[in-house]
Amino acid sequence: METLQFKTLINVSNRQRTQFFYRAAETKKHVVKKSTGKITKTKMIPRRLLLHSFGFIPVLLNVPLIAEALEMNEPEVIRTQKLDSGVRIQDIIDGEGKEAREGDLVEVNYVCRRSNGYFVHSTVDQFSGESSPVILPLNEKEIIKGLKEVIIGMKAGGKRRALIPPSVGYVKENLGPIPDEFGPRRSLLSHVKEPLIFEVQLLKVL
């Protein structure tokens, strides 16, 4: 029996493929008569194994398409900037307009977490989405130095994520931003010796 060429096999319809392999699997014995006149028997191949093996063909044929899809879905790399103070900053959204400078008053929303990701405090309600922005002076006598460094250079609408080491964090209890509520305030002050993660969105430069 003439062996089917690979190219021909690929062009067979799905229905014809299934019928072909089904017959092959259901036949218990296949008798082939050779030129010598002898009769030989071939082993039965399970239909499931044949179909399973044949299932690899579309995958092999579509390798370029799969590779192209993976290339298209590569995540955007967010660069991290490390300052001399040890603060690490990632720009999430650039924003536009006037840049915040030292001494400015700014209106911001923020989320504060511990370095392990546990929530500490936020000006944005995690359930309703309502926000209570705070106004901060970019002066390290009034807010923690690390956060001041994060906000300087931001533009309205911009968003940054930063890891602030304790050496430029809440070294004094009177430094802002501090939650008004007792629970969040206590939670924050109990972790002042740890690095903190701040996600800050600059709303306005006043």
C-alpha atoms as a PDB file:
ATOM      1  CA  MET A   1       0.000   0.000   0.000  1.00  0.00           C
ATOM      2  CA  GLU A   2       1.397   3.383  -0.974  1.00  0.00           C
ATOM      3  CA  THR A   3       2.321   5.633   1.937  1.00  0.00           C
ATOM      4  CA  LEU A   4       0.503   8.966   2.043  1.00  0.00           C
ATOM      5  CA  GLN A   5       2.771  11.962   1.679  1.00  0.00           C
ATOM      6  CA  PHE A   6       2.872  14.429   4.625  1.00  0.00           C
ATOM      7  CA  LYS A   7       1.562  17.249   2.460  1.00  0.00           C
ATOM      8  CA  THR A   8      -1.399  15.171   1.322  1.00  0.00           C
ATOM      9  CA  LEU A   9      -2.217  14.129   4.894  1.00  0.00           C
ATOM     10  CA  ILE A  10      -2.420  17.707   6.054  1.00  0.00           C
ATOM     11  CA  ASN A  11      -4.959  18.588   3.364  1.00  0.00           C
ATOM     12  CA  VAL A  12      -7.401  15.861   4.397  1.00  0.00           C
ATOM     13  CA  SER A  13     -10.498  17.297   6.100  1.00  0.00           C
ATOM     14  CA  ASN A  14     -11.095  16.830   9.828  1.00  0.00           C
ATOM     15  CA  ARG A  15     -13.999  14.461   9.180  1.00  0.00           C
ATOM     16  CA  GLN A  16     -11.982  12.315   6.798  1.00  0.00           C
ATOM     17  CA  ARG A  17      -9.101  12.181   9.300  1.00  0.00           C
ATOM     18  CA  THR A  18     -11.386  10.932  12.068  1.00  0.00           C
ATOM     19  CA  GLN A  19     -12.990   8.279   9.827  1.00  0.00           C
ATOM     20  CA  PHE A  20      -9.606   7.101   8.589  1.00  0.00           C
ATOM     21  CA  PHE A  21      -8.127   6.635  12.056  1.00  0.00           C
ATOM     22  CA  TYR A  22     -11.327   5.164  13.434  1.00  0.00           C
ATOM     23  CA  ARG A  23     -11.250   2.386  10.832  1.00  0.00           C
ATOM     24  CA  ALA A  24      -7.579   1.763  11.535  1.00  0.00           C
ATOM     25  CA  ALA A  25      -8.254   1.386  15.236  1.00  0.00           C
ATOM     26  CA  GLU A  26     -11.315  -0.847  14.895  1.00  0.00           C
ATOM     27  CA  THR A  27      -9.586  -3.330  12.581  1.00  0.00           C
ATOM     28  CA  LYS A  28      -8.220  -6.105  14.750  1.00  0.00           C
ATOM     29  CA  LYS A  29      -5.924  -7.574  12.130  1.00  0.00           C
ATOM     30  CA  HIS A  30      -4.595  -6.124   8.930  1.00  0.00           C
ATOM     31  CA  VAL A  31      -3.461  -8.695   6.390  1.00  0.00           C
ATOM     32  CA  VAL A  32      -0.823  -7.715   3.846  1.00  0.00           C
ATOM     33  CA  LYS A  33       0.206  -9.991   1.039  1.00  0.00           C
ATOM     34  CA  LYS A  34       3.839  -9.543   0.020  1.00  0.00           C
ATOM     35  CA  SER A  35       5.483 -10.519  -3.264  1.00  0.00           C
ATOM     36  CA  THR A  36       6.906 -13.635  -1.575  1.00  0.00           C
ATOM     37  CA  GLY A  37       3.422 -14.940  -0.937  1.00  0.00           C
ATOM     38  CA  LYS A  38       3.809 -14.889   2.840  1.00  0.00           C
ATOM     39  CA  ILE A  39       1.153 -13.454   5.095  1.00  0.00           C
ATOM     40  CA  THR A  40       2.172 -11.070   7.912  1.00  0.00           C
ATOM     41  CA  LYS A  41       0.062  -9.576  10.667  1.00  0.00           C
ATOM     42  CA  THR A  42       0.414  -6.081  12.047  1.00  0.00           C
ATOM     43  CA  LYS A  43      -0.369  -4.951  15.579  1.00  0.00           C
ATOM     44  CA  MET A  44      -3.547  -2.995  16.279  1.00  0.00           C
ATOM     45  CA  ILE A  45      -2.894   0.653  17.239  1.00  0.00           C
ATOM     46  CA  PRO A  46      -5.445   2.150  19.682  1.00  0.00           C
ATOM     47  CA  ARG A  47      -7.661   4.815  18.128  1.00  0.00           C
ATOM     48  CA  ARG A  48      -7.040   7.188  21.084  1.00  0.00           C
ATOM     49  CA  LEU A  49      -3.255   6.991  20.567  1.00  0.00           C
ATOM     50  CA  LEU A  50      -3.599   7.714  16.855  1.00  0.00           C
ATOM     51  CA  LEU A  51      -5.868  10.687  17.413  1.00  0.00           C
ATOM     52  CA  HIS A  52      -3.639  11.968  20.211  1.00  0.00           C
ATOM     53  CA  SER A  53      -0.555  11.776  17.975  1.00  0.00           C
ATOM     54  CA  PHE A  54      -2.351  13.383  15.079  1.00  0.00           C
ATOM     55  CA  GLY A  55      -3.438  16.226  17.359  1.00  0.00           C
ATOM     56  CA  PHE A  56       0.124  17.501  17.422  1.00  0.00           C
ATOM     57  CA  ILE A  57       0.084  18.369  13.718  1.00  0.00           C
ATOM     58  CA  PRO A  58      -2.002  21.580  13.992  1.00  0.00           C
ATOM     59  CA  VAL A  59       0.169  22.691  16.901  1.00  0.00           C
ATOM     60  CA  LEU A  60       3.341  22.233  14.861  1.00  0.00           C
ATOM     61  CA  LEU A  61       1.812  24.010  11.907  1.00  0.00           C
ATOM     62  CA  ASN A  62       0.828  26.996  14.050  1.00  0.00           C
ATOM     63  CA  VAL A  63       4.150  27.514  15.849  1.00  0.00           C
ATOM     64  CA  PRO A  64       4.838  30.864  14.069  1.00  0.00           C
ATOM     65  CA  LEU A  65       1.365  32.111  15.017  1.00  0.00           C
ATOM     66  CA  ILE A  66       1.860  31.143  18.674  1.00  0.00           C
ATOM     67  CA  ALA A  67       5.254  32.835  18.788  1.00  0.00           C
ATOM     68  CA  GLU A  68       3.774  35.976  17.259  1.00  0.00           C
ATOM     69  CA  ALA A  69       0.974  36.057  19.848  1.00  0.00           C
ATOM     70  CA  LEU A  70       3.473  35.708  22.696  1.00  0.00           C
ATOM     71  CA  GLU A  71       5.515  38.597  21.329  1.00  0.00           C
ATOM     72  CA  MET A  72       2.431  40.806  21.111  1.00  0.00           C
ATOM     73  CA  ASN A  73       1.434  40.065  24.726  1.00  0.00           C
ATOM     74  CA  GLU A  74       4.778  40.833  26.365  1.00  0.00           C
ATOM     75  CA  PRO A  75       4.181  43.032  29.428  1.00  0.00           C
ATOM     76  CA  GLU A  76       5.566  46.539  29.386  1.00  0.00           C
ATOM     77  CA  VAL A  77       8.712  46.860  31.477  1.00  0.00           C
ATOM     78  CA  ILE A  78       8.467  49.508  34.219  1.00  0.00           C
ATOM     79  CA  ARG A  79      11.859  50.965  35.012  1.00  0.00           C
ATOM     80  CA  THR A  80      12.907  51.590  38.591  1.00  0.00           C
ATOM     81  CA  GLN A  81      14.941  54.622  39.615  1.00  0.00           C
ATOM     82  CA  LYS A  82      16.980  54.442  42.804  1.00  0.00           C
ATOM     83  CA  LEU A  83      17.758  57.718  44.578  1.00  0.00           C
ATOM     84  CA  ASP A  84      20.771  58.405  46.799  1.00  0.00           C
ATOM     85  CA  SER A  85      18.504  58.195  49.840  1.00  0.00           C
ATOM     86  CA  GLY A  86      17.627  54.593  48.983  1.00  0.00           C
ATOM     87  CA  VAL A  87      14.125  55.430  47.723  1.00  0.00           C
ATOM     88  CA  ARG A  88      13.137  53.356  44.689  1.00  0.00           C
ATOM     89  CA  ILE A  89      10.647  54.936  42.295  1.00  0.00           C
ATOM     90  CA  GLN A  90       8.584  53.571  39.421  1.00  0.00           C
ATOM     91  CA  ASP A  91       6.696  55.931  37.077  1.00  0.00           C
ATOM     92  CA  ILE A  92       3.303  54.378  36.332  1.00  0.00           C
ATOM     93  CA  ILE A  93       1.672  57.392  34.620  1.00  0.00           C
ATOM     94  CA  ASP A  94       3.656  60.457  33.520  1.00  0.00           C
ATOM     95  CA  GLY A  95       0.970  63.132  33.907  1.00  0.00           C
ATOM     96  CA  GLU A  96       1.141  66.531  32.216  1.00  0.00           C
ATOM     97  CA  GLY A  97       1.502  70.203  32.994  1.00  0.00           C
ATOM     98  CA  LYS A  98       3.519  71.857  35.724  1.00  0.00           C
ATOM     99  CA  GLU A  99       6.014  69.798  37.715  1.00  0.00           C
ATOM    100  CA  ALA A 100       5.871  69.747  41.493  1.00  0.00           C
ATOM    101  CA  ARG A 101       8.893  71.377  43.133  1.00  0.00           C
ATOM    102  CA  GLU A 102      10.267  71.611  46.640  1.00  0.00           C
ATOM    103  CA  GLY A 103       8.218  74.027  48.742  1.00  0.00           C
ATOM    104  CA  ASP A 104       5.031  73.596  46.656  1.00  0.00           C
ATOM    105  CA  LEU A 105       1.653  72.628  48.088  1.00  0.00           C
ATOM    106  CA  VAL A 106       0.217  69.581  46.363  1.00  0.00           C
ATOM    107  CA  GLU A 107      -3.049  67.659  46.463  1.00  0.00           C
ATOM    108  CA  VAL A 108      -2.599  63.910  46.300  1.00  0.00           C
ATOM    109  CA  ASN A 109      -4.245  60.549  46.745  1.00  0.00           C
ATOM    110  CA  TYR A 110      -2.115  57.719  48.068  1.00  0.00           C
ATOM    111  CA  VAL A 111      -2.121  54.127  49.192  1.00  0.00           C
ATOM    112  CA  CYS A 112       0.385  52.989  51.818  1.00  0.00           C
ATOM    113  CA  ARG A 113       1.383  49.344  52.241  1.00  0.00           C
ATOM    114  CA  ARG A 114       4.024  47.400  54.079  1.00  0.00           C
ATOM    115  CA  SER A 115       6.836  45.953  51.985  1.00  0.00           C
ATOM    116  CA  ASN A 116       5.122  42.544  52.095  1.00  0.00           C
ATOM    117  CA  GLY A 117       2.032  44.051  50.447  1.00  0.00           C
ATOM    118  CA  TYR A 118      -0.216  44.300  53.521  1.00  0.00           C
ATOM    119  CA  PHE A 119      -2.509  47.325  53.446  1.00  0.00           C
ATOM    120  CA  VAL A 120      -1.868  50.117  55.970  1.00  0.00           C
ATOM    121  CA  HIS A 121      -3.774  53.214  54.880  1.00  0.00           C
ATOM    122  CA  SER A 122      -5.274  54.937  51.839  1.00  0.00           C
ATOM    123  CA  THR A 123      -7.065  58.148  50.935  1.00  0.00           C
ATOM    124  CA  VAL A 124      -9.173  56.101  48.509  1.00  0.00           C
ATOM    125  CA  ASP A 125     -11.862  53.820  49.936  1.00  0.00           C
ATOM    126  CA  GLN A 126     -11.077  50.282  48.800  1.00  0.00           C
ATOM    127  CA  PHE A 127     -14.771  49.371  48.454  1.00  0.00           C
ATOM    128  CA  SER A 128     -16.640  52.461  47.278  1.00  0.00           C
ATOM    129  CA  GLY A 129     -13.766  54.057  45.360  1.00  0.00           C
ATOM    130  CA  GLU A 130     -14.492  57.415  46.991  1.00  0.00           C
ATOM    131  CA  SER A 131     -11.418  59.477  47.773  1.00  0.00           C
ATOM    132  CA  SER A 132     -10.428  62.015  50.409  1.00  0.00           C
ATOM    133  CA  PRO A 133      -7.339  63.696  48.942  1.00  0.00           C
ATOM    134  CA  VAL A 134      -4.829  65.340  51.256  1.00  0.00           C
ATOM    135  CA  ILE A 135      -2.874  68.550  50.790  1.00  0.00           C
ATOM    136  CA  LEU A 136       0.816  68.193  51.551  1.00  0.00           C
ATOM    137  CA  PRO A 137       3.641  70.743  51.656  1.00  0.00           C
ATOM    138  CA  LEU A 138       6.781  69.509  49.911  1.00  0.00           C
ATOM    139  CA  ASN A 139       8.856  70.297  52.947  1.00  0.00           C
ATOM    140  CA  GLU A 140      10.647  67.540  54.856  1.00  0.00           C
ATOM    141  CA  LYS A 141       9.957  69.290  58.135  1.00  0.00           C
ATOM    142  CA  GLU A 142       6.270  68.491  57.654  1.00  0.00           C
ATOM    143  CA  ILE A 143       6.167  65.289  55.589  1.00  0.00           C
ATOM    144  CA  ILE A 144       8.473  62.299  55.441  1.00  0.00           C
ATOM    145  CA  LYS A 145      11.529  62.963  53.308  1.00  0.00           C
ATOM    146  CA  GLY A 146      11.076  59.867  51.163  1.00  0.00           C
ATOM    147  CA  LEU A 147       7.575  60.856  50.072  1.00  0.00           C
ATOM    148  CA  LYS A 148       8.714  64.394  49.306  1.00  0.00           C
ATOM    149  CA  GLU A 149      11.380  62.971  46.994  1.00  0.00           C
ATOM    150  CA  VAL A 150       8.775  60.820  45.292  1.00  0.00           C
ATOM    151  CA  ILE A 151       6.388  63.705  44.572  1.00  0.00           C
ATOM    152  CA  ILE A 152       8.990  66.231  43.398  1.00  0.00           C
ATOM    153  CA  GLY A 153       9.108  66.109  39.597  1.00  0.00           C
ATOM    154  CA  MET A 154       5.613  64.655  39.218  1.00  0.00           C
ATOM    155  CA  LYS A 155       2.987  66.323  37.015  1.00  0.00           C
ATOM    156  CA  ALA A 156      -0.768  66.587  37.527  1.00  0.00           C
ATOM    157  CA  GLY A 157      -2.419  63.264  36.754  1.00  0.00           C
ATOM    158  CA  GLY A 158       0.859  61.427  37.227  1.00  0.00           C
ATOM    159  CA  LYS A 159       1.181  58.305  39.314  1.00  0.00           C
ATOM    160  CA  ARG A 160       4.242  56.775  40.995  1.00  0.00           C
ATOM    161  CA  ARG A 161       4.956  53.717  43.069  1.00  0.00           C
ATOM    162  CA  ALA A 162       7.843  53.894  45.540  1.00  0.00           C
ATOM    163  CA  LEU A 163       9.618  51.853  48.174  1.00  0.00           C
ATOM    164  CA  ILE A 164      10.622  54.163  51.024  1.00  0.00           C
ATOM    165  CA  PRO A 165      13.221  52.910  53.519  1.00  0.00           C
ATOM    166  CA  PRO A 166      12.689  53.725  57.217  1.00  0.00           C
ATOM    167  CA  SER A 167      15.685  56.098  57.272  1.00  0.00           C
ATOM    168  CA  VAL A 168      13.683  58.601  55.173  1.00  0.00           C
ATOM    169  CA  GLY A 169      10.276  57.545  56.464  1.00  0.00           C
ATOM    170  CA  TYR A 170       8.505  58.257  59.740  1.00  0.00           C
ATOM    171  CA  VAL A 171      11.600  59.146  61.766  1.00  0.00           C
ATOM    172  CA  LYS A 172       9.365  61.500  63.793  1.00  0.00           C
ATOM    173  CA  GLU A 173       5.747  60.928  64.778  1.00  0.00           C
ATOM    174  CA  ASN A 174       4.643  64.418  63.734  1.00  0.00           C
ATOM    175  CA  LEU A 175       5.578  63.924  60.066  1.00  0.00           C
ATOM    176  CA  GLY A 176       2.797  63.485  57.559  1.00  0.00           C
ATOM    177  CA  PRO A 177       0.874  62.053  56.014  1.00  0.00           C
ATOM    178  CA  ILE A 178      -0.747  60.584  59.110  1.00  0.00           C
ATOM    179  CA  PRO A 179      -4.260  59.036  59.116  1.00  0.00           C
ATOM    180  CA  ASP A 180      -6.831  60.796  61.286  1.00  0.00           C
ATOM    181  CA  GLU A 181      -8.462  57.540  62.413  1.00  0.00           C
ATOM    182  CA  PHE A 182      -6.986  55.784  65.437  1.00  0.00           C
ATOM    183  CA  GLY A 183      -6.797  52.303  63.871  1.00  0.00           C
ATOM    184  CA  PRO A 184      -4.928  53.237  60.675  1.00  0.00           C
ATOM    185  CA  ARG A 185      -2.694  55.655  62.627  1.00  0.00           C
ATOM    186  CA  ARG A 186      -1.735  52.926  65.085  1.00  0.00           C
ATOM    187  CA  SER A 187      -1.134  50.463  62.253  1.00  0.00           C
ATOM    188  CA  LEU A 188       1.125  52.913  60.447  1.00  0.00           C
ATOM    189  CA  LEU A 189       3.167  53.931  63.492  1.00  0.00           C
ATOM    190  CA  SER A 190       3.671  50.305  64.506  1.00  0.00           C
ATOM    191  CA  HIS A 191       5.527  49.660  61.236  1.00  0.00           C
ATOM    192  CA  VAL A 192       7.668  52.808  60.957  1.00  0.00           C
ATOM    193  CA  LYS A 193      10.860  50.753  61.271  1.00  0.00           C
ATOM    194  CA  GLU A 194      10.003  48.840  58.090  1.00  0.00           C
ATOM    195  CA  PRO A 195      10.237  49.911  54.434  1.00  0.00           C
ATOM    196  CA  LEU A 196       6.873  51.201  53.198  1.00  0.00           C
ATOM    197  CA  ILE A 197       5.361  51.150  49.728  1.00  0.00           C
ATOM    198  CA  PHE A 198       3.517  54.283  48.595  1.00  0.00           C
ATOM    199  CA  GLU A 199       1.419  54.584  45.460  1.00  0.00           C
ATOM    200  CA  VAL A 200       0.885  58.292  44.889  1.00  0.00           C
ATOM    201  CA  GLN A 201      -1.311  60.105  42.391  1.00  0.00           C
ATOM    202  CA  LEU A 202      -0.704  63.839  42.025  1.00  0.00           C
ATOM    203  CA  LEU A 203      -4.010  65.635  41.498  1.00  0.00           C
ATOM    204  CA  LYS A 204      -2.930  69.283  41.609  1.00  0.00           C
ATOM    205  CA  VAL A 205       0.034  71.547  42.185  1.00  0.00           C
ATOM    206  CA  LEU A 206      -1.475  74.430  44.215  1.00  0.00           C
END
